[in-house]
Amino acid sequence: MEPPKFLVGFNLPDLRLPTGRRDATNVPAQALILLNDPFVDAMARQWGQRLVKEPHTSAEERVRAMFVAAFARTPSEVEFKRWACAARDFASPGQPDLMKDEMAWTQLGHAFFNTKEFLYYR
């Protein structure tokens, strides 16, 4: 019974022992897990695939929808401009239509997963 490697990096307690409360830590390895773990990549890829299939009328509308899905709030104007610019920066050179560029939306989703606001509950 090997525990999930992804959760071990986030202080998963020993599954064979009763644990009343988990330790809370913030170590560099956790950031590296979120950047490189196959599970996080798969979740970002799934989100990107789903976004391309959804009927958004513009990239800006899609960015706003992603922001609400990730953070449960609407973005400020500064945040919106920054994330919309990031979506355009992630666009694949050979893909003329950003709305159908699954890789760009996957990369943007991965960036959302790695924000402090996504990781920490306030």
N, C-alpha and C. Protein backbone atom coordinates (compact mmCIF):
# COMPACT_ATOMS: atom_id res chain seq x y z
N MET A 1 0.83 -1.18 0.00
CA MET A 1 0.00 0.00 0.00
C MET A 1 0.87 1.24 0.00
N GLU A 2 1.34 1.59 -1.17
CA GLU A 2 2.15 2.79 -1.28
C GLU A 2 1.24 4.00 -1.43
N PRO A 3 1.48 5.04 -0.64
CA PRO A 3 0.61 6.22 -0.73
C PRO A 3 0.84 6.97 -2.04
N PRO A 4 -0.12 7.78 -2.46
CA PRO A 4 0.06 8.57 -3.69
C PRO A 4 1.25 9.51 -3.57
N LYS A 5 2.18 9.42 -4.50
CA LYS A 5 3.40 10.24 -4.43
C LYS A 5 3.09 11.73 -4.46
N PHE A 6 2.06 12.11 -5.22
CA PHE A 6 1.69 13.52 -5.31
C PHE A 6 1.35 14.06 -3.91
N LEU A 7 0.58 13.32 -3.15
CA LEU A 7 0.14 13.80 -1.83
C LEU A 7 1.22 13.71 -0.76
N VAL A 8 2.19 12.83 -0.95
CA VAL A 8 3.29 12.73 0.02
C VAL A 8 4.04 14.05 0.10
N GLY A 9 4.19 14.72 -1.02
CA GLY A 9 4.87 16.02 -1.02
C GLY A 9 4.10 17.10 -0.30
N PHE A 10 2.82 16.85 -0.06
CA PHE A 10 1.97 17.81 0.64
C PHE A 10 1.57 17.29 2.02
N ASN A 11 2.49 16.59 2.67
CA ASN A 11 2.34 16.13 4.05
C ASN A 11 1.21 15.13 4.28
N LEU A 12 1.04 14.20 3.36
CA LEU A 12 0.07 13.14 3.57
C LEU A 12 0.52 12.35 4.79
N PRO A 13 -0.33 12.19 5.80
CA PRO A 13 0.08 11.43 6.99
C PRO A 13 0.24 9.95 6.66
N ASP A 14 0.93 9.25 7.51
CA ASP A 14 1.10 7.81 7.35
C ASP A 14 -0.28 7.17 7.37
N LEU A 15 -0.62 6.45 6.31
CA LEU A 15 -1.96 5.89 6.18
C LEU A 15 -2.21 4.73 7.14
N ARG A 16 -1.15 4.21 7.75
CA ARG A 16 -1.31 3.09 8.69
C ARG A 16 -1.55 3.55 10.12
N LEU A 17 -1.38 4.85 10.37
CA LEU A 17 -1.53 5.38 11.72
C LEU A 17 -2.65 6.41 11.78
N PRO A 18 -3.42 6.41 12.87
CA PRO A 18 -4.43 7.47 12.99
C PRO A 18 -3.76 8.83 13.19
N THR A 19 -4.26 9.81 12.48
CA THR A 19 -3.68 11.15 12.56
C THR A 19 -4.81 12.15 12.77
N GLY A 20 -4.73 12.90 13.84
CA GLY A 20 -5.79 13.86 14.14
C GLY A 20 -5.70 15.12 13.31
N ARG A 21 -4.49 15.54 13.01
CA ARG A 21 -4.31 16.78 12.27
C ARG A 21 -3.04 16.69 11.43
N ARG A 22 -3.13 17.19 10.21
CA ARG A 22 -1.95 17.17 9.34
C ARG A 22 -1.05 18.35 9.66
N ASP A 23 0.24 18.13 9.46
CA ASP A 23 1.20 19.22 9.59
C ASP A 23 1.00 20.19 8.43
N ALA A 24 1.25 21.44 8.69
CA ALA A 24 1.17 22.45 7.62
C ALA A 24 2.58 22.97 7.36
N THR A 25 3.05 22.74 6.14
CA THR A 25 4.37 23.22 5.76
C THR A 25 4.29 23.83 4.37
N ASN A 26 5.30 24.57 4.05
CA ASN A 26 5.42 25.14 2.71
C ASN A 26 6.90 25.02 2.35
N VAL A 27 7.19 24.06 1.51
CA VAL A 27 8.58 23.80 1.16
C VAL A 27 8.75 23.89 -0.36
N PRO A 28 9.95 24.16 -0.83
CA PRO A 28 10.18 24.29 -2.28
C PRO A 28 9.76 23.06 -3.08
N ALA A 29 9.85 21.90 -2.47
CA ALA A 29 9.47 20.68 -3.19
C ALA A 29 8.01 20.71 -3.62
N GLN A 30 7.15 21.36 -2.83
CA GLN A 30 5.74 21.45 -3.19
C GLN A 30 5.55 22.26 -4.47
N ALA A 31 6.27 23.34 -4.61
CA ALA A 31 6.19 24.15 -5.82
C ALA A 31 6.70 23.35 -7.03
N LEU A 32 7.75 22.59 -6.83
CA LEU A 32 8.28 21.78 -7.93
C LEU A 32 7.30 20.68 -8.33
N ILE A 33 6.60 20.12 -7.34
CA ILE A 33 5.59 19.11 -7.65
C ILE A 33 4.50 19.72 -8.53
N LEU A 34 4.04 20.91 -8.17
CA LEU A 34 2.98 21.55 -8.95
C LEU A 34 3.45 21.93 -10.35
N LEU A 35 4.72 22.18 -10.52
CA LEU A 35 5.24 22.52 -11.84
C LEU A 35 5.48 21.29 -12.71
N ASN A 36 5.86 20.16 -12.10
CA ASN A 36 6.36 19.04 -12.88
C ASN A 36 5.61 17.72 -12.75
N ASP A 37 4.69 17.60 -11.80
CA ASP A 37 4.05 16.31 -11.57
C ASP A 37 3.12 15.93 -12.73
N PRO A 38 3.15 14.68 -13.15
CA PRO A 38 2.27 14.24 -14.24
C PRO A 38 0.78 14.44 -13.93
N PHE A 39 0.39 14.33 -12.67
CA PHE A 39 -1.00 14.54 -12.30
C PHE A 39 -1.44 15.97 -12.59
N VAL A 40 -0.62 16.94 -12.22
CA VAL A 40 -0.95 18.35 -12.46
C VAL A 40 -0.98 18.63 -13.96
N ASP A 41 -0.02 18.07 -14.69
CA ASP A 41 -0.02 18.22 -16.15
C ASP A 41 -1.29 17.64 -16.76
N ALA A 42 -1.71 16.48 -16.28
CA ALA A 42 -2.92 15.84 -16.81
C ALA A 42 -4.16 16.67 -16.50
N MET A 43 -4.23 17.25 -15.31
CA MET A 43 -5.39 18.08 -14.97
C MET A 43 -5.42 19.36 -15.81
N ALA A 44 -4.27 19.94 -16.06
CA ALA A 44 -4.21 21.13 -16.92
C ALA A 44 -4.60 20.78 -18.36
N ARG A 45 -4.14 19.63 -18.83
CA ARG A 45 -4.47 19.19 -20.18
C ARG A 45 -5.97 18.93 -20.30
N GLN A 46 -6.56 18.31 -19.29
CA GLN A 46 -8.00 18.05 -19.31
C GLN A 46 -8.79 19.37 -19.32
N TRP A 47 -8.33 20.34 -18.53
CA TRP A 47 -9.00 21.64 -18.50
C TRP A 47 -8.89 22.33 -19.87
N GLY A 48 -7.69 22.27 -20.46
CA GLY A 48 -7.49 22.86 -21.78
C GLY A 48 -8.38 22.22 -22.84
N GLN A 49 -8.52 20.90 -22.81
CA GLN A 49 -9.38 20.20 -23.77
C GLN A 49 -10.84 20.61 -23.58
N ARG A 50 -11.26 20.72 -22.33
CA ARG A 50 -12.64 21.10 -22.05
C ARG A 50 -12.91 22.55 -22.49
N LEU A 51 -11.94 23.43 -22.26
CA LEU A 51 -12.13 24.83 -22.63
C LEU A 51 -12.30 25.01 -24.13
N VAL A 52 -11.54 24.27 -24.90
CA VAL A 52 -11.61 24.40 -26.36
C VAL A 52 -12.99 23.96 -26.87
N LYS A 53 -13.63 23.04 -26.17
CA LYS A 53 -14.95 22.56 -26.57
C LYS A 53 -16.08 23.47 -26.11
N GLU A 54 -15.83 24.32 -25.11
CA GLU A 54 -16.88 25.19 -24.59
C GLU A 54 -17.12 26.35 -25.55
N PRO A 55 -18.37 26.83 -25.65
CA PRO A 55 -18.72 27.84 -26.64
C PRO A 55 -18.47 29.28 -26.19
N HIS A 56 -17.26 29.61 -25.83
CA HIS A 56 -16.95 31.00 -25.51
C HIS A 56 -16.83 31.80 -26.80
N THR A 57 -17.28 33.04 -26.77
CA THR A 57 -17.26 33.86 -27.98
C THR A 57 -15.92 34.54 -28.22
N SER A 58 -15.12 34.68 -27.15
CA SER A 58 -13.83 35.35 -27.31
C SER A 58 -12.84 34.80 -26.28
N ALA A 59 -11.56 35.06 -26.55
CA ALA A 59 -10.53 34.64 -25.60
C ALA A 59 -10.70 35.36 -24.27
N GLU A 60 -11.13 36.60 -24.32
CA GLU A 60 -11.32 37.37 -23.09
C GLU A 60 -12.42 36.75 -22.23
N GLU A 61 -13.50 36.31 -22.86
CA GLU A 61 -14.59 35.66 -22.12
C GLU A 61 -14.10 34.37 -21.48
N ARG A 62 -13.28 33.63 -22.22
CA ARG A 62 -12.75 32.37 -21.70
C ARG A 62 -11.81 32.62 -20.52
N VAL A 63 -10.98 33.64 -20.61
CA VAL A 63 -10.06 33.96 -19.50
C VAL A 63 -10.87 34.31 -18.26
N ARG A 64 -11.91 35.10 -18.43
CA ARG A 64 -12.77 35.45 -17.28
C ARG A 64 -13.41 34.20 -16.68
N ALA A 65 -13.88 33.29 -17.51
CA ALA A 65 -14.49 32.05 -17.03
C ALA A 65 -13.47 31.19 -16.29
N MET A 66 -12.25 31.14 -16.79
CA MET A 66 -11.19 30.38 -16.10
C MET A 66 -10.89 31.00 -14.74
N PHE A 67 -10.85 32.30 -14.70
CA PHE A 67 -10.56 33.00 -13.46
C PHE A 67 -11.62 32.69 -12.41
N VAL A 68 -12.88 32.74 -12.82
CA VAL A 68 -13.97 32.43 -11.88
C VAL A 68 -13.90 30.97 -11.44
N ALA A 69 -13.60 30.06 -12.36
CA ALA A 69 -13.50 28.64 -12.02
C ALA A 69 -12.35 28.38 -11.04
N ALA A 70 -11.24 29.07 -11.22
CA ALA A 70 -10.06 28.83 -10.38
C ALA A 70 -10.16 29.52 -9.03
N PHE A 71 -10.69 30.74 -9.01
CA PHE A 71 -10.63 31.54 -7.79
C PHE A 71 -11.99 31.91 -7.20
N ALA A 72 -13.07 31.54 -7.88
CA ALA A 72 -14.44 31.83 -7.41
C ALA A 72 -14.69 33.32 -7.22
N ARG A 73 -14.08 34.10 -8.10
CA ARG A 73 -14.32 35.55 -8.10
C ARG A 73 -13.97 36.09 -9.47
N THR A 74 -14.48 37.27 -9.78
CA THR A 74 -14.12 37.89 -11.05
C THR A 74 -12.79 38.61 -10.91
N PRO A 75 -12.03 38.70 -11.98
CA PRO A 75 -10.73 39.36 -11.90
C PRO A 75 -10.87 40.88 -11.88
N SER A 76 -9.91 41.52 -11.24
CA SER A 76 -9.84 42.98 -11.36
C SER A 76 -9.39 43.29 -12.79
N GLU A 77 -9.46 44.52 -13.19
CA GLU A 77 -9.08 44.89 -14.56
C GLU A 77 -7.60 44.62 -14.81
N VAL A 78 -6.77 44.88 -13.82
CA VAL A 78 -5.32 44.63 -13.96
C VAL A 78 -5.07 43.13 -14.09
N GLU A 79 -5.70 42.33 -13.24
CA GLU A 79 -5.54 40.88 -13.32
C GLU A 79 -6.02 40.35 -14.66
N PHE A 80 -7.17 40.84 -15.10
CA PHE A 80 -7.72 40.38 -16.37
C PHE A 80 -6.77 40.66 -17.52
N LYS A 81 -6.23 41.87 -17.57
CA LYS A 81 -5.30 42.22 -18.65
C LYS A 81 -4.06 41.33 -18.62
N ARG A 82 -3.56 41.07 -17.43
CA ARG A 82 -2.36 40.23 -17.29
C ARG A 82 -2.62 38.81 -17.78
N TRP A 83 -3.76 38.23 -17.38
CA TRP A 83 -4.07 36.86 -17.78
C TRP A 83 -4.44 36.77 -19.27
N ALA A 84 -5.11 37.78 -19.79
CA ALA A 84 -5.44 37.78 -21.22
C ALA A 84 -4.16 37.88 -22.05
N CYS A 85 -3.21 38.69 -21.60
CA CYS A 85 -1.93 38.81 -22.27
C CYS A 85 -1.18 37.47 -22.21
N ALA A 86 -1.25 36.79 -21.07
CA ALA A 86 -0.59 35.49 -20.93
C ALA A 86 -1.20 34.49 -21.90
N ALA A 87 -2.51 34.51 -22.06
CA ALA A 87 -3.17 33.59 -23.01
C ALA A 87 -2.63 33.82 -24.41
N ARG A 88 -2.48 35.06 -24.80
CA ARG A 88 -1.94 35.36 -26.14
C ARG A 88 -0.47 34.94 -26.24
N ASP A 89 0.29 35.12 -25.16
CA ASP A 89 1.70 34.72 -25.16
C ASP A 89 1.87 33.21 -25.28
N PHE A 90 0.92 32.44 -24.74
CA PHE A 90 0.99 30.98 -24.80
C PHE A 90 0.54 30.42 -26.15
N ALA A 91 0.01 31.25 -27.02
CA ALA A 91 -0.50 30.79 -28.31
C ALA A 91 0.59 30.08 -29.10
N SER A 92 0.23 28.98 -29.70
CA SER A 92 1.17 28.22 -30.53
C SER A 92 1.42 28.97 -31.83
N PRO A 93 2.67 29.02 -32.29
CA PRO A 93 2.98 29.75 -33.53
C PRO A 93 2.22 29.24 -34.76
N GLY A 94 1.99 27.95 -34.85
CA GLY A 94 1.32 27.40 -36.03
C GLY A 94 -0.19 27.40 -35.95
N GLN A 95 -0.74 27.83 -34.83
CA GLN A 95 -2.20 27.81 -34.63
C GLN A 95 -2.75 29.23 -34.77
N PRO A 96 -3.43 29.54 -35.87
CA PRO A 96 -3.91 30.91 -36.08
C PRO A 96 -5.07 31.31 -35.16
N ASP A 97 -5.86 30.34 -34.69
CA ASP A 97 -7.03 30.64 -33.88
C ASP A 97 -6.77 30.29 -32.42
N LEU A 98 -6.60 31.30 -31.60
CA LEU A 98 -6.33 31.08 -30.17
C LEU A 98 -7.45 30.28 -29.51
N MET A 99 -8.67 30.48 -29.94
CA MET A 99 -9.81 29.80 -29.32
C MET A 99 -9.74 28.28 -29.49
N LYS A 100 -9.04 27.80 -30.52
CA LYS A 100 -8.91 26.37 -30.77
C LYS A 100 -7.54 25.82 -30.38
N ASP A 101 -6.72 26.66 -29.80
CA ASP A 101 -5.35 26.28 -29.43
C ASP A 101 -5.35 25.60 -28.06
N GLU A 102 -5.53 24.30 -28.07
CA GLU A 102 -5.62 23.54 -26.83
C GLU A 102 -4.37 23.68 -25.96
N MET A 103 -3.21 23.70 -26.58
CA MET A 103 -1.96 23.80 -25.82
C MET A 103 -1.87 25.13 -25.08
N ALA A 104 -2.29 26.21 -25.70
CA ALA A 104 -2.25 27.52 -25.04
C ALA A 104 -3.14 27.53 -23.81
N TRP A 105 -4.34 26.97 -23.93
CA TRP A 105 -5.26 26.95 -22.78
C TRP A 105 -4.79 25.99 -21.71
N THR A 106 -4.13 24.91 -22.12
CA THR A 106 -3.54 23.98 -21.15
C THR A 106 -2.45 24.68 -20.35
N GLN A 107 -1.59 25.41 -21.03
CA GLN A 107 -0.51 26.12 -20.34
C GLN A 107 -1.06 27.21 -19.42
N LEU A 108 -2.10 27.89 -19.86
CA LEU A 108 -2.69 28.92 -19.01
C LEU A 108 -3.32 28.27 -17.78
N GLY A 109 -4.00 27.15 -17.96
CA GLY A 109 -4.56 26.42 -16.82
C GLY A 109 -3.48 25.98 -15.85
N HIS A 110 -2.37 25.51 -16.37
CA HIS A 110 -1.25 25.10 -15.52
C HIS A 110 -0.72 26.29 -14.73
N ALA A 111 -0.68 27.45 -15.36
CA ALA A 111 -0.25 28.67 -14.66
C ALA A 111 -1.24 29.02 -13.53
N PHE A 112 -2.52 28.87 -13.80
CA PHE A 112 -3.53 29.11 -12.76
C PHE A 112 -3.30 28.19 -11.56
N PHE A 113 -3.01 26.92 -11.84
CA PHE A 113 -2.78 25.95 -10.76
C PHE A 113 -1.60 26.33 -9.88
N ASN A 114 -0.68 27.09 -10.41
CA ASN A 114 0.54 27.43 -9.67
C ASN A 114 0.50 28.81 -9.02
N THR A 115 -0.64 29.44 -8.97
CA THR A 115 -0.74 30.74 -8.30
C THR A 115 -0.97 30.53 -6.81
N LYS A 116 -0.53 31.48 -6.02
CA LYS A 116 -0.73 31.40 -4.57
C LYS A 116 -2.21 31.39 -4.22
N GLU A 117 -2.99 32.18 -4.94
CA GLU A 117 -4.42 32.24 -4.63
C GLU A 117 -5.11 30.90 -4.87
N PHE A 118 -4.66 30.16 -5.85
CA PHE A 118 -5.24 28.83 -6.11
C PHE A 118 -4.86 27.85 -5.01
N LEU A 119 -3.65 27.99 -4.49
CA LEU A 119 -3.13 27.03 -3.53
C LEU A 119 -3.57 27.25 -2.09
N TYR A 120 -3.75 28.50 -1.70
CA TYR A 120 -4.00 28.81 -0.31
C TYR A 120 -5.40 29.34 -0.09
N TYR A 121 -6.09 28.74 0.84
CA TYR A 121 -7.43 29.19 1.22
C TYR A 121 -7.31 30.36 2.16
N ARG A 122 -8.07 31.42 1.91
CA ARG A 122 -8.03 32.58 2.80
C ARG A 122 -9.28 32.65 3.64
